[in-house]
Protein backbone atom coordinates (compact mmCIF):
# COMPACT_ATOMS: atom_id res chain seq x y z
CA UNK A 1 -15.17 15.05 -11.77
CA UNK A 2 -17.43 16.01 -14.65
CA UNK A 3 -19.64 13.62 -16.61
CA UNK A 4 -17.42 13.67 -19.68
CA UNK A 5 -14.41 12.44 -17.72
CA UNK A 6 -16.48 9.57 -16.33
CA UNK A 7 -17.01 8.17 -19.85
CA UNK A 8 -13.49 6.83 -19.52
CA UNK A 9 -13.05 4.88 -16.32
CA UNK A 10 -10.21 5.88 -14.02
CA UNK A 11 -9.56 2.51 -12.38
CA UNK A 12 -8.16 2.78 -8.88
CA UNK A 13 -6.36 0.13 -6.78
CA UNK A 14 -8.22 1.16 -3.61
CA UNK A 15 -12.00 1.24 -3.14
CA UNK A 16 -11.89 4.37 -0.94
CA UNK A 17 -10.48 6.32 -3.92
CA UNK A 18 -13.87 6.22 -5.71
CA UNK A 19 -15.67 7.84 -2.74
CA UNK A 20 -18.60 5.44 -2.77
CA UNK A 21 -21.30 5.82 -0.12
CA UNK A 22 -20.77 3.41 2.78
CA UNK A 23 -23.43 0.90 1.70
CA UNK A 24 -22.01 0.75 -1.83
CA UNK A 25 -18.45 0.58 -0.52
CA UNK A 26 -19.44 -2.54 1.40
CA UNK A 27 -20.56 -4.20 -1.85
CA UNK A 28 -17.44 -3.06 -3.73
CA UNK A 29 -15.09 -4.70 -1.25
CA UNK A 30 -17.00 -7.99 -0.99
CA UNK A 31 -14.27 -10.59 -0.49
CA UNK A 32 -14.44 -13.81 -2.47
CA UNK A 33 -17.41 -14.51 -4.70
CA UNK A 34 -19.91 -11.71 -5.29
CA UNK A 35 -22.32 -14.38 -6.55
CA UNK A 36 -22.20 -16.18 -3.19
CA UNK A 37 -23.00 -12.94 -1.37
CA UNK A 38 -25.90 -12.15 -3.71
CA UNK A 39 -27.30 -15.66 -3.26
CA UNK A 40 -27.16 -15.31 0.52
CA UNK A 41 -28.79 -11.85 0.33
CA UNK A 42 -31.89 -12.92 -1.58
CA UNK A 43 -34.56 -15.61 -1.69
CA UNK A 44 -34.19 -16.07 -5.47
CA UNK A 45 -30.96 -15.44 -7.38
CA UNK A 46 -30.75 -15.59 -11.18
CA UNK A 47 -28.15 -15.00 -13.87
CA UNK A 48 -29.81 -13.52 -16.95
CA UNK A 49 -27.44 -13.93 -19.86
CA UNK A 50 -27.68 -11.04 -22.30
CA UNK A 51 -25.16 -12.33 -24.82
CA UNK A 52 -21.90 -14.15 -25.34
CA UNK A 53 -20.13 -13.32 -28.57
CA UNK A 54 -17.09 -11.87 -30.28
CA UNK A 55 -16.87 -8.06 -29.92
CA UNK A 56 -14.29 -5.28 -29.78
CA UNK A 57 -13.13 -4.70 -26.22
CA UNK A 58 -12.83 -1.25 -24.64
CA UNK A 59 -9.42 0.47 -24.61
CA UNK A 60 -8.86 0.08 -20.86
CA UNK A 61 -9.93 -3.58 -21.09
CA UNK A 62 -7.40 -4.26 -23.86
CA UNK A 63 -4.59 -3.03 -21.65
CA UNK A 64 -5.81 -5.11 -18.68
CA UNK A 65 -5.83 -8.36 -20.70
CA UNK A 66 -2.49 -7.76 -22.37
CA UNK A 67 -3.60 -6.48 -25.78
CA UNK A 68 -1.74 -3.60 -27.43
CA UNK A 69 -4.99 -1.98 -28.60
CA UNK A 70 -8.74 -2.63 -28.57
CA UNK A 71 -9.52 -5.65 -30.71
CA UNK A 72 -11.92 -8.56 -30.99
CA UNK A 73 -12.34 -10.56 -27.80
CA UNK A 74 -14.88 -13.02 -26.47
CA UNK A 75 -17.46 -11.02 -24.53
CA UNK A 76 -20.16 -12.15 -22.12
CA UNK A 77 -22.70 -9.84 -20.50
CA UNK A 78 -25.21 -10.79 -17.84
CA UNK A 79 -27.53 -9.22 -15.32
CA UNK A 80 -27.39 -10.65 -11.82
CA UNK A 81 -30.87 -10.53 -10.33
CA UNK A 82 -32.00 -10.91 -6.74
CA UNK A 83 -35.69 -11.54 -6.13
CA UNK A 84 -36.46 -10.49 -9.69
CA UNK A 85 -34.56 -7.19 -9.47
CA UNK A 86 -31.36 -6.59 -11.49
CA UNK A 87 -28.64 -5.56 -9.04
CA UNK A 88 -25.37 -6.05 -10.98
CA UNK A 89 -24.44 -5.78 -14.64
CA UNK A 90 -21.46 -8.07 -15.27
CA UNK A 91 -19.22 -7.83 -18.33
CA UNK A 92 -16.46 -10.32 -19.13
CA UNK A 93 -13.81 -10.23 -21.85
CA UNK A 94 -11.39 -12.98 -22.86
CA UNK A 95 -8.69 -12.53 -25.53
CA UNK A 96 -9.46 -14.40 -28.75
CA UNK A 97 -6.18 -16.31 -28.56
CA UNK A 98 -7.26 -18.16 -25.41
CA UNK A 99 -8.20 -21.72 -26.10
CA UNK A 100 -10.50 -24.27 -24.49
CA UNK A 101 -7.77 -25.49 -22.13
CA UNK A 102 -7.42 -21.98 -20.69
CA UNK A 103 -11.13 -21.49 -19.92
CA UNK A 104 -12.87 -24.83 -20.60
CA UNK A 105 -16.28 -23.90 -19.19
CA UNK A 106 -16.54 -20.34 -20.52
CA UNK A 107 -18.38 -21.18 -23.74
CA UNK A 108 -20.86 -23.47 -21.97
CA UNK A 109 -21.90 -21.27 -19.04
CA UNK A 110 -25.34 -20.33 -20.36
CA UNK A 111 -27.29 -18.86 -17.43
CA UNK A 112 -24.84 -20.12 -14.84
CA UNK A 113 -22.70 -17.72 -12.86
CA UNK A 114 -19.09 -17.31 -13.95
CA UNK A 115 -18.23 -16.87 -10.26
CA UNK A 116 -19.48 -20.39 -9.58
CA UNK A 117 -16.60 -21.70 -11.71
CA UNK A 118 -13.87 -19.14 -11.00
CA UNK A 119 -13.80 -19.59 -7.25
CA UNK A 120 -13.84 -23.39 -7.25
CA UNK A 121 -11.19 -24.08 -9.89
CA UNK A 122 -7.78 -24.57 -8.22
CA UNK A 123 -6.00 -23.46 -11.42
CA UNK A 124 -7.58 -19.99 -11.38
CA UNK A 125 -5.51 -17.14 -9.94
CA UNK A 126 -7.30 -13.92 -9.03
CA UNK A 127 -5.58 -10.59 -9.60
CA UNK A 128 -6.08 -7.37 -7.64
CA UNK A 129 -9.48 -5.70 -7.63
CA UNK A 130 -9.71 -2.25 -9.21
CA UNK A 131 -12.52 0.24 -8.64
CA UNK A 132 -14.10 3.08 -10.62
CA UNK A 133 -16.92 5.62 -10.71
CA UNK A 134 -18.90 5.53 -13.94
CA UNK A 135 -21.40 8.00 -15.38
CA UNK A 136 -24.45 7.06 -17.42
CA UNK A 137 -22.34 7.92 -20.50
CA UNK A 138 -19.87 5.13 -19.87
CA UNK A 139 -20.23 2.31 -22.45
CA UNK A 140 -20.87 -0.36 -19.81
CA UNK A 141 -23.56 1.69 -18.07
CA UNK A 142 -25.18 2.38 -21.45
CA UNK A 143 -25.23 -1.37 -22.09
CA UNK A 144 -26.76 -2.00 -18.69
CA UNK A 145 -29.42 0.63 -19.39
CA UNK A 146 -30.18 -0.98 -22.77
CA UNK A 147 -30.59 -4.37 -21.09
CA UNK A 148 -32.97 -2.80 -18.58
CA UNK A 149 -34.91 -0.95 -21.31
CA UNK A 150 -33.90 2.35 -19.73
CA UNK A 151 -32.81 5.56 -21.41
CA UNK A 152 -29.78 7.18 -19.78
CA UNK A 153 -30.03 10.63 -21.38
CA UNK A 154 -31.17 12.33 -18.18
CA UNK A 155 -29.55 9.93 -15.73
CA UNK A 156 -27.14 11.78 -13.46
CA UNK A 157 -26.51 8.76 -11.24
CA UNK A 158 -22.91 7.85 -10.52
CA UNK A 159 -22.42 4.10 -10.81
CA UNK A 160 -19.72 2.18 -9.00
CA UNK A 161 -17.83 -0.71 -10.52
CA UNK A 162 -15.07 -3.11 -9.76
CA UNK A 163 -13.02 -5.33 -12.02
CA UNK A 164 -10.48 -8.08 -11.73
CA UNK A 165 -8.23 -10.06 -14.06
CA UNK A 166 -8.21 -13.82 -13.58
CA UNK A 167 -5.53 -16.13 -14.94
CA UNK A 168 -5.90 -19.82 -15.72
CA UNK A 169 -2.93 -21.53 -17.39
CA UNK A 170 -1.92 -18.99 -20.08
CA UNK A 171 -5.39 -17.43 -20.40
CA UNK A 172 -6.53 -14.08 -19.03
CA UNK A 173 -10.13 -13.15 -18.31
CA UNK A 174 -11.36 -9.73 -17.14
CA UNK A 175 -14.60 -9.45 -15.18
CA UNK A 176 -16.17 -6.03 -14.59
CA UNK A 177 -19.14 -5.71 -12.23
CA UNK A 178 -21.25 -2.55 -12.39
CA UNK A 179 -23.38 -2.20 -9.27
CA UNK A 180 -26.89 -0.99 -9.99
CA UNK A 181 -28.63 1.20 -7.37
CA UNK A 182 -31.01 -1.65 -6.42
CA UNK A 183 -28.11 -3.55 -4.84
CA UNK A 184 -28.38 -1.18 -1.86
CA UNK A 185 -31.87 -2.50 -1.15
CA UNK A 186 -30.40 -5.95 -0.48
CA UNK A 187 -28.51 -4.64 2.50
CA UNK A 188 -31.65 -2.96 3.79
CA UNK A 189 -33.68 -6.13 3.25
CA UNK A 190 -31.08 -8.24 5.08
CA UNK A 191 -31.08 -5.76 7.96
CA UNK A 192 -34.89 -5.91 8.13
CA UNK A 193 -34.81 -9.73 8.21
CA UNK A 194 -32.45 -9.57 11.19
CA UNK A 195 -34.70 -7.08 13.01
CA UNK A 196 -37.88 -9.11 12.49
C-alpha cells in the first residue's frame, strides 16, 4: 500500500487485516474500555482535551454515523497520556441532530475520559470495532502531529487505528483511536514491572 492510498482509511472488520506488529495488535484488540487498560498500564493517566466544537466530519465518518455526505458534526479530540507521554489520539464525532437526551454528558466531559461514561451507561450499545492503517498524511494523524507540535512531512511511520460506533437512544457517536508509537512502551514497562 502506498502512502497516498493511506490518506483515505480502508477500515477493516478484522484487526489481522491491517497487519499490525504483535505488540500493536494487542492494543488494537483491547476488549472493553481502552481507558481502563491505559490506567492500569501507567502510574499517572491523563486526558488532555484539545478541543470540542462543531466541525465538518471526514467522508468515511459521515457514512459511519448515518450522514449522506460530510457535514457539520460535534467533534471532540483528546490525547490520552500515560506517565506524561501521549499514547493515543482520540477523535469523536456526533451528528448535529443528536440532542442532550441522546448523549447527556458529552458536552460536559472536559478532561474526563469518554470511555468512563460509555462503558458504564446501560443505555449505550457498542457496535463492531473496525481497524485501519494510517499514514502521516491521513487527516487524523496530521491532527495528532499538530497537537504534539510535530511536523509529519518526513514521517514514514504507519499508524494503527480502531474505531467504533456507539448508540444511545436515537443518537450515534463514532470514536476513533489512533495509537501513537509510545503506546508500545507501556507493554514493555508492564513487562519490566513483572520481572522486577
